N, C-alpha and C. Protein backbone atom coordinates (compact mmCIF):
# COMPACT_ATOMS: atom_id res chain seq x y z
N MET A 1 -61.83 147.80 -100.65
CA MET A 1 -60.72 148.65 -100.29
C MET A 1 -61.02 150.10 -100.67
N ASN A 2 -61.47 150.33 -101.88
CA ASN A 2 -61.80 151.67 -102.35
C ASN A 2 -62.96 152.25 -101.55
N TYR A 3 -63.86 151.39 -101.12
CA TYR A 3 -65.03 151.81 -100.34
C TYR A 3 -64.59 152.41 -99.01
N LYS A 4 -63.68 151.76 -98.32
CA LYS A 4 -63.19 152.26 -97.03
C LYS A 4 -62.45 153.59 -97.20
N ASP A 5 -61.67 153.70 -98.27
CA ASP A 5 -60.96 154.96 -98.54
C ASP A 5 -61.95 156.10 -98.76
N LYS A 6 -63.02 155.82 -99.49
CA LYS A 6 -64.03 156.83 -99.75
C LYS A 6 -64.73 157.26 -98.46
N LEU A 7 -65.01 156.30 -97.58
CA LEU A 7 -65.63 156.64 -96.29
C LEU A 7 -64.71 157.51 -95.45
N GLU A 8 -63.42 157.23 -95.46
CA GLU A 8 -62.47 158.06 -94.72
C GLU A 8 -62.40 159.47 -95.29
N LYS A 9 -62.46 159.57 -96.60
CA LYS A 9 -62.46 160.89 -97.24
C LYS A 9 -63.72 161.68 -96.87
N ILE A 10 -64.85 160.99 -96.82
CA ILE A 10 -66.11 161.62 -96.45
C ILE A 10 -66.05 162.10 -95.01
N LYS A 11 -65.52 161.28 -94.12
CA LYS A 11 -65.39 161.68 -92.71
C LYS A 11 -64.50 162.91 -92.58
N ALA A 12 -63.42 162.96 -93.35
CA ALA A 12 -62.52 164.11 -93.31
C ALA A 12 -63.21 165.37 -93.82
N THR A 13 -63.97 165.22 -94.89
CA THR A 13 -64.70 166.37 -95.44
C THR A 13 -65.73 166.89 -94.44
N LEU A 14 -66.46 165.99 -93.82
CA LEU A 14 -67.45 166.39 -92.83
C LEU A 14 -66.78 167.00 -91.60
N GLY A 15 -65.58 166.53 -91.27
CA GLY A 15 -64.84 167.11 -90.15
C GLY A 15 -64.51 168.56 -90.40
N CYS A 16 -64.21 168.92 -91.64
CA CYS A 16 -63.93 170.32 -91.98
C CYS A 16 -65.19 171.18 -91.86
N TRP A 17 -66.33 170.62 -92.24
CA TRP A 17 -67.58 171.38 -92.20
C TRP A 17 -68.17 171.46 -90.79
N LYS A 18 -67.72 170.61 -89.89
CA LYS A 18 -68.28 170.57 -88.54
C LYS A 18 -68.07 171.88 -87.80
N PHE A 19 -66.98 172.57 -88.05
CA PHE A 19 -66.63 173.77 -87.31
C PHE A 19 -67.19 175.05 -87.91
N ARG A 20 -68.07 174.97 -88.85
CA ARG A 20 -68.58 176.16 -89.54
C ARG A 20 -69.91 176.66 -89.00
N ARG A 21 -70.37 176.13 -87.91
CA ARG A 21 -71.61 176.56 -87.25
C ARG A 21 -72.80 176.59 -88.20
N LEU A 22 -72.99 175.52 -88.91
CA LEU A 22 -74.11 175.41 -89.83
C LEU A 22 -75.37 175.03 -89.06
N GLY A 23 -76.50 175.48 -89.55
CA GLY A 23 -77.77 175.04 -89.01
C GLY A 23 -78.12 173.67 -89.57
N LEU A 24 -79.22 173.14 -89.12
CA LEU A 24 -79.63 171.81 -89.55
C LEU A 24 -79.87 171.74 -91.06
N LEU A 25 -80.54 172.76 -91.61
CA LEU A 25 -80.78 172.77 -93.06
C LEU A 25 -79.47 172.87 -93.85
N GLY A 26 -78.51 173.63 -93.33
CA GLY A 26 -77.21 173.74 -93.98
C GLY A 26 -76.47 172.41 -93.99
N LYS A 27 -76.56 171.68 -92.89
CA LYS A 27 -75.91 170.38 -92.81
C LYS A 27 -76.56 169.38 -93.76
N VAL A 28 -77.88 169.41 -93.85
CA VAL A 28 -78.58 168.53 -94.78
C VAL A 28 -78.15 168.85 -96.21
N LEU A 29 -78.02 170.13 -96.52
CA LEU A 29 -77.57 170.55 -97.85
C LEU A 29 -76.17 170.04 -98.16
N ILE A 30 -75.26 170.12 -97.21
CA ILE A 30 -73.89 169.61 -97.40
C ILE A 30 -73.93 168.12 -97.67
N LEU A 31 -74.72 167.38 -96.89
CA LEU A 31 -74.80 165.93 -97.08
C LEU A 31 -75.37 165.58 -98.44
N LYS A 32 -76.40 166.29 -98.87
CA LYS A 32 -77.05 165.98 -100.13
C LYS A 32 -76.23 166.41 -101.33
N SER A 33 -75.56 167.54 -101.26
CA SER A 33 -74.87 168.05 -102.44
C SER A 33 -73.42 167.58 -102.52
N LEU A 34 -72.67 167.69 -101.44
CA LEU A 34 -71.25 167.34 -101.50
C LEU A 34 -70.99 165.86 -101.28
N ILE A 35 -71.60 165.30 -100.27
CA ILE A 35 -71.24 163.95 -99.85
C ILE A 35 -71.93 162.88 -100.70
N THR A 36 -73.21 163.02 -100.92
CA THR A 36 -73.95 162.01 -101.68
C THR A 36 -73.42 161.89 -103.10
N SER A 37 -73.02 163.00 -103.68
CA SER A 37 -72.48 162.96 -105.04
C SER A 37 -71.19 162.14 -105.10
N GLN A 38 -70.43 162.10 -104.01
CA GLN A 38 -69.21 161.29 -103.97
C GLN A 38 -69.52 159.80 -103.82
N LEU A 39 -70.71 159.51 -103.30
CA LEU A 39 -71.09 158.11 -103.05
C LEU A 39 -71.70 157.41 -104.26
N VAL A 40 -72.17 158.15 -105.23
CA VAL A 40 -72.87 157.54 -106.36
C VAL A 40 -72.01 156.50 -107.05
N TYR A 41 -70.79 156.85 -107.36
CA TYR A 41 -69.91 155.94 -108.09
C TYR A 41 -69.58 154.70 -107.27
N ILE A 42 -69.38 154.90 -105.99
CA ILE A 42 -68.95 153.78 -105.14
C ILE A 42 -70.11 152.87 -104.76
N LEU A 43 -71.31 153.41 -104.61
CA LEU A 43 -72.46 152.60 -104.20
C LEU A 43 -73.11 151.85 -105.35
N SER A 44 -73.00 152.36 -106.55
CA SER A 44 -73.71 151.77 -107.69
C SER A 44 -73.38 150.30 -107.92
N PRO A 45 -72.12 149.96 -108.17
CA PRO A 45 -71.88 148.58 -108.60
C PRO A 45 -71.56 147.58 -107.49
N ILE A 46 -71.22 148.03 -106.28
CA ILE A 46 -70.72 147.07 -105.30
C ILE A 46 -71.68 146.90 -104.13
N GLN A 47 -71.46 145.81 -103.40
CA GLN A 47 -72.18 145.57 -102.16
C GLN A 47 -71.65 146.56 -101.13
N SER A 48 -72.52 147.27 -100.48
CA SER A 48 -72.07 148.30 -99.55
C SER A 48 -72.88 148.22 -98.26
N SER A 49 -72.52 149.06 -97.33
CA SER A 49 -73.18 149.10 -96.03
C SER A 49 -73.82 150.47 -95.82
N PRO A 50 -75.07 150.64 -96.26
CA PRO A 50 -75.73 151.93 -96.09
C PRO A 50 -75.91 152.32 -94.63
N GLU A 51 -75.98 151.33 -93.72
CA GLU A 51 -76.15 151.64 -92.31
C GLU A 51 -74.94 152.40 -91.78
N GLU A 52 -73.76 152.03 -92.24
CA GLU A 52 -72.54 152.72 -91.82
C GLU A 52 -72.54 154.16 -92.34
N ILE A 53 -72.97 154.35 -93.55
CA ILE A 53 -73.05 155.70 -94.13
C ILE A 53 -74.10 156.52 -93.39
N ASN A 54 -75.24 155.90 -93.09
CA ASN A 54 -76.29 156.58 -92.33
C ASN A 54 -75.77 157.05 -90.98
N THR A 55 -74.99 156.21 -90.31
CA THR A 55 -74.42 156.58 -89.02
C THR A 55 -73.52 157.80 -89.15
N ILE A 56 -72.69 157.81 -90.19
CA ILE A 56 -71.80 158.96 -90.43
C ILE A 56 -72.63 160.22 -90.67
N PHE A 57 -73.67 160.10 -91.48
CA PHE A 57 -74.52 161.25 -91.79
C PHE A 57 -75.18 161.82 -90.54
N TYR A 58 -75.79 160.97 -89.75
CA TYR A 58 -76.53 161.46 -88.59
C TYR A 58 -75.60 161.90 -87.45
N ASN A 59 -74.41 161.34 -87.37
CA ASN A 59 -73.43 161.86 -86.41
C ASN A 59 -73.03 163.28 -86.78
N PHE A 60 -72.90 163.54 -88.07
CA PHE A 60 -72.60 164.90 -88.53
C PHE A 60 -73.76 165.85 -88.23
N LEU A 61 -74.98 165.41 -88.49
CA LEU A 61 -76.14 166.26 -88.26
C LEU A 61 -76.29 166.67 -86.80
N TRP A 62 -76.09 165.71 -85.91
CA TRP A 62 -76.37 165.96 -84.49
C TRP A 62 -75.10 166.07 -83.65
N ASN A 63 -73.96 166.30 -84.29
CA ASN A 63 -72.67 166.46 -83.60
C ASN A 63 -72.35 165.27 -82.69
N GLY A 64 -72.74 164.08 -83.11
CA GLY A 64 -72.44 162.87 -82.36
C GLY A 64 -73.22 162.69 -81.08
N LYS A 65 -74.28 163.45 -80.87
CA LYS A 65 -75.02 163.41 -79.60
C LYS A 65 -76.31 162.63 -79.66
N GLY A 66 -76.57 161.91 -80.72
CA GLY A 66 -77.81 161.16 -80.83
C GLY A 66 -78.88 161.96 -81.55
N ASP A 67 -79.79 161.26 -82.15
CA ASP A 67 -80.83 161.91 -82.97
C ASP A 67 -81.81 162.70 -82.10
N LYS A 68 -82.11 163.90 -82.53
CA LYS A 68 -83.10 164.73 -81.85
C LYS A 68 -84.46 164.66 -82.56
N ILE A 69 -84.43 164.28 -83.82
CA ILE A 69 -85.64 164.08 -84.63
C ILE A 69 -85.52 162.69 -85.25
N LYS A 70 -86.61 161.95 -85.24
CA LYS A 70 -86.57 160.60 -85.79
C LYS A 70 -86.13 160.64 -87.25
N ARG A 71 -85.39 159.63 -87.65
CA ARG A 71 -84.85 159.58 -89.02
C ARG A 71 -85.95 159.47 -90.06
N ASN A 72 -87.01 158.72 -89.76
CA ASN A 72 -88.09 158.61 -90.74
C ASN A 72 -88.87 159.91 -90.87
N VAL A 73 -88.78 160.80 -89.90
CA VAL A 73 -89.38 162.13 -90.02
C VAL A 73 -88.45 163.05 -90.81
N MET A 74 -87.16 162.92 -90.59
CA MET A 74 -86.18 163.77 -91.28
C MET A 74 -86.25 163.64 -92.80
N ILE A 75 -86.58 162.45 -93.30
CA ILE A 75 -86.58 162.25 -94.75
C ILE A 75 -87.87 162.72 -95.42
N ASN A 76 -88.85 163.11 -94.63
CA ASN A 76 -90.11 163.60 -95.19
C ASN A 76 -89.94 164.97 -95.86
N ASN A 77 -90.94 165.35 -96.65
CA ASN A 77 -90.98 166.68 -97.26
C ASN A 77 -91.21 167.73 -96.18
N TYR A 78 -90.96 168.97 -96.53
CA TYR A 78 -91.17 170.07 -95.60
C TYR A 78 -92.62 170.15 -95.14
N SER A 79 -93.54 169.89 -96.06
CA SER A 79 -94.96 169.98 -95.73
C SER A 79 -95.39 168.93 -94.70
N GLN A 80 -94.61 167.87 -94.57
CA GLN A 80 -94.91 166.81 -93.61
C GLN A 80 -94.04 166.91 -92.35
N GLY A 81 -93.37 168.04 -92.19
CA GLY A 81 -92.55 168.27 -91.00
C GLY A 81 -91.13 167.75 -91.11
N GLY A 82 -90.72 167.34 -92.29
CA GLY A 82 -89.37 166.82 -92.48
C GLY A 82 -88.43 167.86 -93.05
N LEU A 83 -87.20 167.42 -93.31
CA LEU A 83 -86.18 168.32 -93.87
C LEU A 83 -85.63 167.82 -95.20
N LYS A 84 -86.32 166.87 -95.81
CA LYS A 84 -85.89 166.28 -97.08
C LYS A 84 -84.48 165.71 -97.00
N MET A 85 -84.17 165.12 -95.85
CA MET A 85 -82.88 164.45 -95.67
C MET A 85 -82.84 163.23 -96.58
N ILE A 86 -81.68 162.93 -97.10
CA ILE A 86 -81.55 161.79 -98.00
C ILE A 86 -81.68 160.49 -97.20
N ASP A 87 -82.46 159.58 -97.73
CA ASP A 87 -82.57 158.23 -97.16
C ASP A 87 -81.58 157.36 -97.92
N ILE A 88 -80.44 157.12 -97.32
CA ILE A 88 -79.35 156.46 -98.02
C ILE A 88 -79.69 155.03 -98.42
N LEU A 89 -80.55 154.37 -97.65
CA LEU A 89 -80.96 153.01 -97.99
C LEU A 89 -81.77 153.00 -99.29
N SER A 90 -82.74 153.90 -99.39
CA SER A 90 -83.53 154.02 -100.63
C SER A 90 -82.67 154.47 -101.80
N PHE A 91 -81.75 155.39 -101.52
CA PHE A 91 -80.85 155.89 -102.54
C PHE A 91 -80.00 154.76 -103.10
N ASN A 92 -79.48 153.92 -102.21
CA ASN A 92 -78.66 152.78 -102.62
C ASN A 92 -79.47 151.80 -103.47
N LYS A 93 -80.69 151.52 -103.04
CA LYS A 93 -81.55 150.60 -103.81
C LYS A 93 -81.88 151.17 -105.19
N SER A 94 -82.10 152.47 -105.27
CA SER A 94 -82.42 153.07 -106.57
C SER A 94 -81.22 153.02 -107.51
N LEU A 95 -80.02 153.17 -106.97
CA LEU A 95 -78.82 153.05 -107.81
C LEU A 95 -78.69 151.63 -108.37
N LYS A 96 -78.95 150.64 -107.55
CA LYS A 96 -78.89 149.25 -108.00
C LYS A 96 -79.99 148.96 -109.03
N ALA A 97 -81.18 149.51 -108.82
CA ALA A 97 -82.28 149.31 -109.76
C ALA A 97 -81.96 149.96 -111.11
N THR A 98 -81.25 151.05 -111.09
CA THR A 98 -80.85 151.72 -112.33
C THR A 98 -79.94 150.81 -113.15
N TRP A 99 -79.04 150.09 -112.49
CA TRP A 99 -78.17 149.14 -113.20
C TRP A 99 -79.00 148.06 -113.87
N ILE A 100 -80.00 147.54 -113.17
CA ILE A 100 -80.85 146.50 -113.74
C ILE A 100 -81.61 147.05 -114.94
N LYS A 101 -82.12 148.26 -114.79
CA LYS A 101 -82.86 148.88 -115.89
C LYS A 101 -81.96 149.06 -117.12
N LYS A 102 -80.72 149.49 -116.89
CA LYS A 102 -79.79 149.65 -118.01
C LYS A 102 -79.43 148.31 -118.64
N TYR A 103 -79.30 147.29 -117.82
CA TYR A 103 -78.95 145.97 -118.35
C TYR A 103 -80.08 145.38 -119.18
N LEU A 104 -81.31 145.54 -118.71
CA LEU A 104 -82.45 144.95 -119.41
C LEU A 104 -82.95 145.81 -120.58
N GLY A 105 -82.61 147.09 -120.57
CA GLY A 105 -83.06 147.98 -121.64
C GLY A 105 -82.43 147.67 -122.97
N THR A 106 -83.19 147.81 -124.04
CA THR A 106 -82.68 147.50 -125.37
C THR A 106 -81.91 148.67 -125.98
N GLU A 107 -82.12 149.89 -125.47
CA GLU A 107 -81.44 151.05 -126.05
C GLU A 107 -79.98 151.15 -125.62
N ASN A 108 -79.60 150.45 -124.57
CA ASN A 108 -78.23 150.50 -124.09
C ASN A 108 -77.41 149.42 -124.79
N ARG A 109 -76.37 149.82 -125.48
CA ARG A 109 -75.54 148.87 -126.21
C ARG A 109 -74.08 148.97 -125.75
N GLY A 110 -73.87 149.24 -124.46
CA GLY A 110 -72.52 149.38 -123.93
C GLY A 110 -71.74 148.07 -123.94
N SER A 111 -70.43 148.18 -123.97
CA SER A 111 -69.59 146.98 -124.00
C SER A 111 -69.69 146.19 -122.70
N TRP A 112 -69.99 146.84 -121.58
CA TRP A 112 -70.15 146.12 -120.32
C TRP A 112 -71.34 145.17 -120.39
N LYS A 113 -72.37 145.56 -121.11
CA LYS A 113 -73.55 144.70 -121.25
C LYS A 113 -73.21 143.48 -122.11
N PHE A 114 -72.44 143.68 -123.16
CA PHE A 114 -72.01 142.59 -124.02
C PHE A 114 -71.18 141.58 -123.23
N PHE A 115 -70.32 142.06 -122.34
CA PHE A 115 -69.51 141.18 -121.51
C PHE A 115 -70.39 140.25 -120.68
N PHE A 116 -71.41 140.80 -120.05
CA PHE A 116 -72.29 139.99 -119.23
C PHE A 116 -73.13 139.03 -120.06
N LEU A 117 -73.52 139.43 -121.25
CA LEU A 117 -74.29 138.54 -122.12
C LEU A 117 -73.45 137.35 -122.57
N CYS A 118 -72.17 137.57 -122.81
CA CYS A 118 -71.29 136.50 -123.26
C CYS A 118 -70.93 135.53 -122.14
N THR A 119 -70.89 135.99 -120.89
CA THR A 119 -70.48 135.15 -119.80
C THR A 119 -71.65 134.54 -119.03
N THR A 120 -72.87 134.85 -119.43
CA THR A 120 -74.05 134.32 -118.75
C THR A 120 -74.23 132.85 -119.12
N PRO A 121 -74.47 131.98 -118.13
CA PRO A 121 -74.71 130.56 -118.45
C PRO A 121 -75.89 130.38 -119.39
N LYS A 122 -75.85 129.34 -120.22
CA LYS A 122 -76.89 129.11 -121.22
C LYS A 122 -78.26 128.92 -120.63
N ILE A 123 -78.35 128.45 -119.40
CA ILE A 123 -79.66 128.23 -118.80
C ILE A 123 -80.36 129.56 -118.50
N TRP A 124 -79.59 130.66 -118.43
CA TRP A 124 -80.17 131.97 -118.14
C TRP A 124 -80.58 132.70 -119.42
N LYS A 125 -80.09 132.26 -120.56
CA LYS A 125 -80.34 132.98 -121.82
C LYS A 125 -81.68 132.62 -122.39
C-alpha cells in the first residue's frame, strides 16, 4: 500500500518537473537526486517492481515517446557514451545486499537483528 502511494507521489513530482524544459542531463540529475532518494526507504526492505519504476523514469526522460537511446547505453559512464543514468534494477539489488551484509555483520547489534535471531528456526542456527 505504501509502495503505491510513493509511486503516485513520484509521478506527481515528475509531472511538475516535466514543464521546465530540462535537457537530458538535467532530467537524469532530477531522477538521481530527487526521486531515487525517495525510493531508498521503500525499496530496501520490501519486494518491489523495479520494472515499473524504470518505466516511470524513462517516460519522464523521453516525454513518453519511447527510448531514443538504449537503456544499457544510458547507464554507462560518460567516457563510454552514456549519461550515468541510474540502473534501478542494480540499485534495488544493492539495497537488498546491504541488508544481508548488515544482518551477517558482527558489528551491527541492532534490535531488529535480535528479533530475527530469536524467531529463526533451530535448523537455521
